[in-house]
C-alpha atoms as a PDB file:
ATOM      1  CA  MET A   1      65.945 110.876 109.797  1.00  0.00           C
ATOM      2  CA  GLY A   2      67.520 113.956 111.136  1.00  0.00           C
ATOM      3  CA  LEU A   3      71.237 113.922 112.006  1.00  0.00           C
ATOM      4  CA  SER A   4      73.700 116.381 113.350  1.00  0.00           C
ATOM      5  CA  GLU A   5      76.640 117.842 111.417  1.00  0.00           C
ATOM      6  CA  ASP A   6      78.962 115.276 109.551  1.00  0.00           C
ATOM      7  CA  ARG A   7      77.015 112.135 110.405  1.00  0.00           C
ATOM      8  CA  LEU A   8      75.622 109.401 108.107  1.00  0.00           C
ATOM      9  CA  ALA A   9      72.869 106.828 109.343  1.00  0.00           C
ATOM     10  CA  LEU A  10      72.200 103.606 107.471  1.00  0.00           C
ATOM     11  CA  ASP A  11      69.010 101.779 107.663  1.00  0.00           C
ATOM     12  CA  PHE A  12      68.205  98.396 106.338  1.00  0.00           C
ATOM     13  CA  VAL A  13      65.160  96.386 106.563  1.00  0.00           C
ATOM     14  CA  ASP A  14      63.947  98.372 110.236  1.00  0.00           C
ATOM     15  CA  GLU A  15      67.900  98.194 111.409  1.00  0.00           C
ATOM     16  CA  ARG A  16      69.537 101.413 111.987  1.00  0.00           C
ATOM     17  CA  HIS A  17      73.140 102.544 112.245  1.00  0.00           C
ATOM     18  CA  ASP A  18      73.878 106.098 112.923  1.00  0.00           C
ATOM     19  CA  LEU A  19      78.115 107.292 112.333  1.00  0.00           C
ATOM     20  CA  ALA A  20      80.148 109.938 113.223  1.00  0.00           C
ATOM     21  CA  PRO A  21      82.889 111.632 111.977  1.00  0.00           C
ATOM     22  CA  GLY A  22      86.002 108.645 112.304  1.00  0.00           C
ATOM     23  CA  ASP A  23      83.819 106.052 112.134  1.00  0.00           C
ATOM     24  CA  SER A  24      83.437 103.440 108.980  1.00  0.00           C
ATOM     25  CA  MET A  25      81.182 100.139 108.916  1.00  0.00           C
ATOM     26  CA  THR A  26      80.902  97.453 106.326  1.00  0.00           C
ATOM     27  CA  PHE A  27      78.076  95.047 104.931  1.00  0.00           C
ATOM     28  CA  GLY A  28      77.869  92.061 103.784  1.00  0.00           C
ATOM     29  CA  ARG A  29      77.028  88.382 104.561  1.00  0.00           C
ATOM     30  CA  ARG A  30      80.079  88.238 107.698  1.00  0.00           C
ATOM     31  CA  ALA A  31      80.447  92.417 108.228  1.00  0.00           C
ATOM     32  CA  ASP A  32      79.862  94.847 110.635  1.00  0.00           C
ATOM     33  CA  LEU A  33      75.926  94.924 109.317  1.00  0.00           C
ATOM     34  CA  VAL A  34      75.037  91.412 107.996  1.00  0.00           C
ATOM     35  CA  LEU A  35      72.690  91.753 105.647  1.00  0.00           C
ATOM     36  CA  ASP A  36      71.550  88.380 104.569  1.00  0.00           C
ATOM     37  CA  ASP A  37      72.941  85.184 104.927  1.00  0.00           C
ATOM     38  CA  ASN A  38      72.436  84.465 100.838  1.00  0.00           C
ATOM     39  CA  PRO A  39      76.085  82.302  99.536  1.00  0.00           C
ATOM     40  CA  PHE A  40      75.924  84.492  96.929  1.00  0.00           C
ATOM     41  CA  MET A  41      76.734  87.594  99.205  1.00  0.00           C
ATOM     42  CA  HIS A  42      80.318  88.432  99.766  1.00  0.00           C
ATOM     43  CA  ARG A  43      81.298  88.253 103.328  1.00  0.00           C
ATOM     44  CA  VAL A  44      82.361  91.785 102.992  1.00  0.00           C
ATOM     45  CA  THR A  45      80.431  93.530 100.495  1.00  0.00           C
ATOM     46  CA  GLY A  46      81.280  97.202 100.696  1.00  0.00           C
ATOM     47  CA  ARG A  47      82.591  99.482 103.563  1.00  0.00           C
ATOM     48  CA  VAL A  48      81.418 103.159 103.702  1.00  0.00           C
ATOM     49  CA  VAL A  49      83.824 104.935 105.875  1.00  0.00           C
ATOM     50  CA  HIS A  50      84.327 109.081 106.771  1.00  0.00           C
ATOM     51  CA  ARG A  51      87.969 110.934 106.239  1.00  0.00           C
ATOM     52  CA  GLU A  52      88.891 114.053 105.576  1.00  0.00           C
ATOM     53  CA  SER A  53      85.531 115.506 105.856  1.00  0.00           C
ATOM     54  CA  VAL A  54      83.960 113.099 103.663  1.00  0.00           C
ATOM     55  CA  TRP A  55      81.954 109.633 103.768  1.00  0.00           C
ATOM     56  CA  TRP A  56      82.841 107.482 101.057  1.00  0.00           C
ATOM     57  CA  LEU A  57      81.588 103.755  99.659  1.00  0.00           C
ATOM     58  CA  GLN A  58      84.319 101.422  98.889  1.00  0.00           C
ATOM     59  CA  ASN A  59      83.508  98.225  97.302  1.00  0.00           C
ATOM     60  CA  HIS A  60      85.323  95.422  98.406  1.00  0.00           C
ATOM     61  CA  ALA A  61      83.948  92.615  96.841  1.00  0.00           C
ATOM     62  CA  THR A  62      85.560  90.925  93.645  1.00  0.00           C
ATOM     63  CA  THR A  63      82.781  90.350  91.035  1.00  0.00           C
ATOM     64  CA  THR A  64      79.776  92.133  92.679  1.00  0.00           C
ATOM     65  CA  ARG A  65      79.150  95.883  91.410  1.00  0.00           C
ATOM     66  CA  LEU A  66      77.592  98.672  93.735  1.00  0.00           C
ATOM     67  CA  GLU A  67      75.091 101.334  92.616  1.00  0.00           C
ATOM     68  CA  LEU A  68      75.191 104.234  94.563  1.00  0.00           C
ATOM     69  CA  GLN A  69      71.785 106.269  93.813  1.00  0.00           C
ATOM     70  CA  ASP A  70      71.083 109.606  94.591  1.00  0.00           C
ATOM     71  CA  LEU A  71      67.520 110.114  95.900  1.00  0.00           C
ATOM     72  CA  GLU A  72      67.722 114.087  95.675  1.00  0.00           C
ATOM     73  CA  HIS A  73      68.768 113.961  91.450  1.00  0.00           C
ATOM     74  CA  GLY A  74      67.392 110.947  91.144  1.00  0.00           C
ATOM     75  CA  THR A  75      71.202 109.668  89.155  1.00  0.00           C
ATOM     76  CA  GLY A  76      73.432 106.764  89.848  1.00  0.00           C
ATOM     77  CA  ASN A  77      77.194 105.728  90.209  1.00  0.00           C
ATOM     78  CA  VAL A  78      78.171 102.572  90.002  1.00  0.00           C
ATOM     79  CA  VAL A  79      81.221 101.478  92.091  1.00  0.00           C
ATOM     80  CA  SER A  80      83.566  98.184  90.823  1.00  0.00           C
ATOM     81  CA  PRO A  81      85.187  96.494  92.444  1.00  0.00           C
ATOM     82  CA  GLY A  82      87.912  97.608  94.300  1.00  0.00           C
ATOM     83  CA  ARG A  83      86.939 101.375  94.172  1.00  0.00           C
ATOM     84  CA  GLN A  84      85.040 104.298  95.994  1.00  0.00           C
ATOM     85  CA  LEU A  85      83.353 106.951  95.260  1.00  0.00           C
ATOM     86  CA  PRO A  86      81.952 109.726  97.531  1.00  0.00           C
ATOM     87  CA  ILE A  87      79.090 110.572  98.930  1.00  0.00           C
ATOM     88  CA  THR A  88      77.995 114.033  98.109  1.00  0.00           C
ATOM     89  CA  SER A  89      74.070 113.295  98.534  1.00  0.00           C
ATOM     90  CA  CYS A  90      72.513 113.981 101.659  1.00  0.00           C
ATOM     91  CA  ARG A  91      69.691 111.071 101.294  1.00  0.00           C
ATOM     92  CA  PHE A  92      71.148 108.191  98.644  1.00  0.00           C
ATOM     93  CA  VAL A  93      70.666 104.091  98.609  1.00  0.00           C
ATOM     94  CA  VAL A  94      73.463 101.745  98.208  1.00  0.00           C
ATOM     95  CA  ARG A  95      71.939  98.969  96.501  1.00  0.00           C
ATOM     96  CA  PHE A  96      73.625  95.149  94.489  1.00  0.00           C
ATOM     97  CA  VAL A  97      72.667  92.341  92.874  1.00  0.00           C
ATOM     98  CA  ALA A  98      73.844  88.742  94.842  1.00  0.00           C
ATOM     99  CA  GLY A  99      72.425  85.306  92.968  1.00  0.00           C
ATOM    100  CA  PRO A 100      68.707  85.941  92.755  1.00  0.00           C
ATOM    101  CA  THR A 101      68.259  89.194  95.202  1.00  0.00           C
ATOM    102  CA  THR A 102      68.431  92.794  94.928  1.00  0.00           C
ATOM    103  CA  TYR A 103      69.563  94.454  98.411  1.00  0.00           C
ATOM    104  CA  GLU A 104      68.982  98.018  98.860  1.00  0.00           C
ATOM    105  CA  ILE A 105      70.915 100.150 101.988  1.00  0.00           C
ATOM    106  CA  ASP A 106      68.864 103.308 102.458  1.00  0.00           C
ATOM    107  CA  GLY A 107      71.425 106.296 103.641  1.00  0.00           C
ATOM    108  CA  GLU A 108      71.070 109.641 104.786  1.00  0.00           C
ATOM    109  CA  ARG A 109      74.041 112.565 105.106  1.00  0.00           C
ATOM    110  CA  SER A 110      73.997 115.401 107.469  1.00  0.00           C
ATOM    111  CA  GLY A 111      75.278 118.903 106.181  1.00  0.00           C
ATOM    112  CA  ASP A 112      74.843 120.559 102.285  1.00  0.00           C
ATOM    113  CA  GLU A 113      75.487 118.411  99.122  1.00  0.00           C
ATOM    114  CA  LEU A 114      79.086 118.049  98.331  1.00  0.00           C
ATOM    115  CA  VAL A 115      80.907 119.657  95.047  1.00  0.00           C
ATOM    116  CA  VAL A 116      83.431 117.778  93.017  1.00  0.00           C
ATOM    117  CA  ASP A 117      85.412 119.628  90.718  1.00  0.00           C
ATOM    118  CA  GLN A 118      86.774 118.378  87.457  1.00  0.00           C
ATOM    119  CA  ALA A 119      89.930 116.599  88.634  1.00  0.00           C
ATOM    120  CA  GLY A 120      87.782 114.289  90.909  1.00  0.00           C
ATOM    121  CA  ASP A 121      88.746 115.877  94.553  1.00  0.00           C
ATOM    122  CA  VAL A 122      86.253 116.824  97.021  1.00  0.00           C
ATOM    123  CA  ILE A 123      85.784 119.956  98.450  1.00  0.00           C
ATOM    124  CA  GLY A 124      85.542 120.565 101.737  1.00  0.00           C
ATOM    125  CA  THR A 125      85.522 123.634 104.286  1.00  0.00           C
ATOM    126  CA  ALA A 126      87.154 121.884 106.993  1.00  0.00           C
ATOM    127  CA  THR A 127      90.494 122.877 108.384  1.00  0.00           C
ATOM    128  CA  LEU A 128      92.751 120.476 107.641  1.00  0.00           C
ATOM    129  CA  GLU A 129      95.010 118.445 109.867  1.00  0.00           C
ATOM    130  CA  PHE A 130      99.201 118.806 109.741  1.00  0.00           C
ATOM    131  CA  GLY A 131      99.535 116.551 106.321  1.00  0.00           C
ATOM    132  CA  ALA A 132      96.263 116.075 106.074  1.00  0.00           C
ATOM    133  CA  VAL A 133      94.782 116.493 102.564  1.00  0.00           C
ATOM    134  CA  PRO A 134      91.649 115.160 100.838  1.00  0.00           C
ATOM    135  CA  LEU A 135      92.226 112.525  98.079  1.00  0.00           C
ATOM    136  CA  SER A 136      90.477 111.796  94.995  1.00  0.00           C
ATOM    137  CA  PRO A 137      89.432 108.543  94.840  1.00  0.00           C
ATOM    138  CA  GLU A 138      92.438 107.095  92.903  1.00  0.00           C
ATOM    139  CA  GLN A 139      95.069 108.808  95.165  1.00  0.00           C
ATOM    140  CA  HIS A 140      93.642 107.076  97.804  1.00  0.00           C
ATOM    141  CA  VAL A 141      94.304 103.381  95.938  1.00  0.00           C
ATOM    142  CA  LEU A 142      97.967 104.838  95.183  1.00  0.00           C
ATOM    143  CA  LEU A 143      98.815 104.660  98.766  1.00  0.00           C
ATOM    144  CA  VAL A 144      96.656 101.756  99.893  1.00  0.00           C
ATOM    145  CA  ALA A 145      98.945  99.886  96.709  1.00  0.00           C
ATOM    146  CA  LEU A 146     102.088 101.204  98.669  1.00  0.00           C
ATOM    147  CA  TYR A 147     100.945 100.387 102.339  1.00  0.00           C
ATOM    148  CA  GLU A 148      99.940  96.747 101.190  1.00  0.00           C
ATOM    149  CA  SER A 149     103.215  96.423  99.572  1.00  0.00           C
ATOM    150  CA  GLY A 150     104.795  97.249 102.488  1.00  0.00           C
ATOM    151  CA  GLU A 151     102.795  94.791 104.663  1.00  0.00           C
ATOM    152  CA  ARG A 152     102.710  91.937 102.046  1.00  0.00           C
ATOM    153  CA  ASN A 153     107.109  92.415 101.648  1.00  0.00           C
ATOM    154  CA  GLY A 154     108.583  92.928 105.899  1.00  0.00           C
ATOM    155  CA  GLY A 155     108.204  96.817 104.470  1.00  0.00           C
ATOM    156  CA  ALA A 156     109.942  96.872 101.528  1.00  0.00           C
ATOM    157  CA  ILE A 157     107.881  98.601  98.982  1.00  0.00           C
ATOM    158  CA  GLU A 158     107.604  97.294  95.545  1.00  0.00           C
ATOM    159  CA  GLY A 159     109.151  98.960  92.322  1.00  0.00           C
ATOM    160  CA  ASN A 160     106.797 101.630  90.486  1.00  0.00           C
ATOM    161  CA  SER A 161     106.419  99.402  87.404  1.00  0.00           C
ATOM    162  CA  SER A 162     105.310  96.468  89.774  1.00  0.00           C
ATOM    163  CA  ILE A 163     102.724  98.513  91.957  1.00  0.00           C
ATOM    164  CA  ALA A 164     101.487  99.845  88.880  1.00  0.00           C
ATOM    165  CA  ARG A 165     100.687  96.664  86.944  1.00  0.00           C
ATOM    166  CA  ARG A 166      99.093  95.423  90.791  1.00  0.00           C
ATOM    167  CA  LEU A 167      96.905  98.549  89.844  1.00  0.00           C
ATOM    168  CA  GLU A 168      96.512  97.742  85.994  1.00  0.00           C
ATOM    169  CA  TRP A 169      97.818 101.199  85.588  1.00  0.00           C
ATOM    170  CA  THR A 170      99.949 102.455  82.898  1.00  0.00           C
ATOM    171  CA  PRO A 171     103.884 103.261  84.812  1.00  0.00           C
ATOM    172  CA  LYS A 172     102.942 107.537  83.369  1.00  0.00           C
ATOM    173  CA  LYS A 173      99.802 107.435  84.608  1.00  0.00           C
ATOM    174  CA  PHE A 174     101.464 105.801  88.188  1.00  0.00           C
ATOM    175  CA  HIS A 175     103.778 108.835  88.034  1.00  0.00           C
ATOM    176  CA  ARG A 176     101.453 111.473  87.488  1.00  0.00           C
ATOM    177  CA  LYS A 177      99.217 110.504  90.500  1.00  0.00           C
ATOM    178  CA  LEU A 178     102.570 109.635  92.831  1.00  0.00           C
ATOM    179  CA  ASP A 179     103.990 112.959  91.836  1.00  0.00           C
ATOM    180  CA  ALA A 180     100.416 114.910  92.426  1.00  0.00           C
ATOM    181  CA  VAL A 181     100.414 113.323  95.783  1.00  0.00           C
ATOM    182  CA  CYS A 182     103.550 114.021  97.325  1.00  0.00           C
ATOM    183  CA  ASP A 183     102.572 117.486  95.804  1.00  0.00           C
ATOM    184  CA  LYS A 184      99.337 118.285  97.956  1.00  0.00           C
ATOM    185  CA  LEU A 185     101.733 116.822 100.968  1.00  0.00           C
ATOM    186  CA  HIS A 186     104.806 118.525 100.565  1.00  0.00           C
ATOM    187  CA  ARG A 187     102.530 122.204 100.656  1.00  0.00           C
ATOM    188  CA  GLN A 188     100.908 120.808 103.712  1.00  0.00           C
ATOM    189  CA  GLY A 189     104.801 120.437 105.434  1.00  0.00           C
ATOM    190  CA  VAL A 190     105.095 116.912 105.151  1.00  0.00           C
ATOM    191  CA  ARG A 191     109.094 116.702 104.119  1.00  0.00           C
ATOM    192  CA  GLY A 192     111.314 113.754 102.669  1.00  0.00           C
ATOM    193  CA  LEU A 193     108.560 114.260  99.252  1.00  0.00           C
ATOM    194  CA  LYS A 194     110.177 115.897  96.772  1.00  0.00           C
ATOM    195  CA  GLY A 195     112.614 112.859  95.559  1.00  0.00           C
ATOM    196  CA  THR A 196     112.663 112.361  91.661  1.00  0.00           C
ATOM    197  CA  ALA A 197     115.709 109.633  91.194  1.00  0.00           C
ATOM    198  CA  GLY A 198     117.654 106.845  92.630  1.00  0.00           C
ATOM    199  CA  ASP A 199     117.505 106.349  96.643  1.00  0.00           C
ATOM    200  CA  LEU A 200     115.584 109.277  97.584  1.00  0.00           C
ATOM    201  CA  ALA A 201     112.766 108.340  95.430  1.00  0.00           C
ATOM    202  CA  ASP A 202     112.626 105.430  97.094  1.00  0.00           C
ATOM    203  CA  HIS A 203     112.938 106.987 100.484  1.00  0.00           C
ATOM    204  CA  ARG A 204     110.018 109.408  99.522  1.00  0.00           C
ATOM    205  CA  ARG A 205     107.666 106.467  99.331  1.00  0.00           C
ATOM    206  CA  VAL A 206     108.697 105.030 102.299  1.00  0.00           C
ATOM    207  CA  VAL A 207     108.041 108.500 104.089  1.00  0.00           C
ATOM    208  CA  LEU A 208     104.503 108.316 101.961  1.00  0.00           C
ATOM    209  CA  VAL A 209     103.212 105.356 103.302  1.00  0.00           C
ATOM    210  CA  ARG A 210     104.535 106.279 107.124  1.00  0.00           C
ATOM    211  CA  HIS A 211     102.895 109.717 106.734  1.00  0.00           C
ATOM    212  CA  ALA A 212      99.698 107.902 105.446  1.00  0.00           C
ATOM    213  CA  VAL A 213      99.388 105.774 108.060  1.00  0.00           C
ATOM    214  CA  ASN A 214     100.327 107.744 111.016  1.00  0.00           C
ATOM    215  CA  SER A 215      97.548 110.430 109.888  1.00  0.00           C
ATOM    216  CA  GLY A 216      94.815 107.575 108.884  1.00  0.00           C
ATOM    217  CA  LEU A 217      95.107 108.388 105.471  1.00  0.00           C
ATOM    218  CA  VAL A 218      95.169 104.584 105.188  1.00  0.00           C
ATOM    219  CA  GLY A 219      94.778 101.462 107.027  1.00  0.00           C
ATOM    220  CA  PRO A 220      94.521  97.928 107.295  1.00  0.00           C
ATOM    221  CA  ASP A 221      90.469  97.658 106.062  1.00  0.00           C
ATOM    222  CA  ASP A 222      91.387  99.824 103.250  1.00  0.00           C
ATOM    223  CA  LEU A 223      93.346  96.618 101.660  1.00  0.00           C
ATOM    224  CA  GLY A 224      89.648  95.242 100.202  1.00  0.00           C
ATOM    225  CA  LEU A 225      90.043  97.676  97.839  1.00  0.00           C
ATOM    226  CA  LEU A 226      92.556  95.388  95.746  1.00  0.00           C
ATOM    227  CA  ARG A 227      91.371  92.266  96.442  1.00  0.00           C
ATOM    228  CA  ALA A 228      89.643  92.572  92.847  1.00  0.00           C
ATOM    229  CA  ALA A 229      92.852  93.400  91.663  1.00  0.00           C
ATOM    230  CA  PRO A 230      94.667  90.702  89.808  1.00  0.00           C
ATOM    231  CA  ARG A 231      98.790  89.555  91.828  1.00  0.00           C
ATOM    232  CA  ASP A 232     101.624  91.138  89.233  1.00  0.00           C
ATOM    233  CA  ALA A 233     102.328  87.593  88.065  1.00  0.00           C
ATOM    234  CA  ASP A 234      98.674  87.382  86.293  1.00  0.00           C
ATOM    235  CA  LEU A 235      99.297  90.906  84.749  1.00  0.00           C
ATOM    236  CA  ASP A 236     101.011  92.464  81.552  1.00  0.00           C
ATOM    237  CA  PRO A 237     102.128  95.656  81.505  1.00  0.00           C
ATOM    238  CA  THR A 238      99.601  97.981  80.173  1.00  0.00           C
ATOM    239  CA  GLY A 239     101.099 100.735  77.456  1.00  0.00           C
END
């Protein structure tokens, strides 16, 4: 296809879309990229978005699994509903099944192949803006869950245990991920994120969400990542 640095192109049945850093595009039955009027397809099946110098594939469906196929290495990864993966290869295919039909979206990303470390964070080379840090998929989903809780409750963020159940995480995992995100941003100079108990701990979540929104780490388009997760009333705490 031929792209300049940090750009991405999606091609579906000779319909090509060129995306630049900061862009995003949804795809599905009623999305930015309309694939088909197949009633078995979700209105918004998935989304491609650029954040922190990395392109991500997000699954916004509730039942459909996306496959991200690396054409350069012949490998593939499954993106389950409500999850996301970084697009690390330069040539790839997004594939999924809706009813009796299989759909494929061809893609090409400019630049070198990205490296993912053992912690799941994408290693980039771009200069970071203040408080803008690379996040692993689970760290990003945690921010989305905090943001969604505040949006749903008029700015009041639910307790950690409620949000952990929302994500189907154990409390220990939730606190570990929350501490990791706060530590990353604290090292970048964001203040108010080192609370450990009581009101200070509640305050740091407010500070965290406010910073995430203002810096573009989360936004309304990310809420689809939580659609597949059951509500608290439908969940039992996990050990």
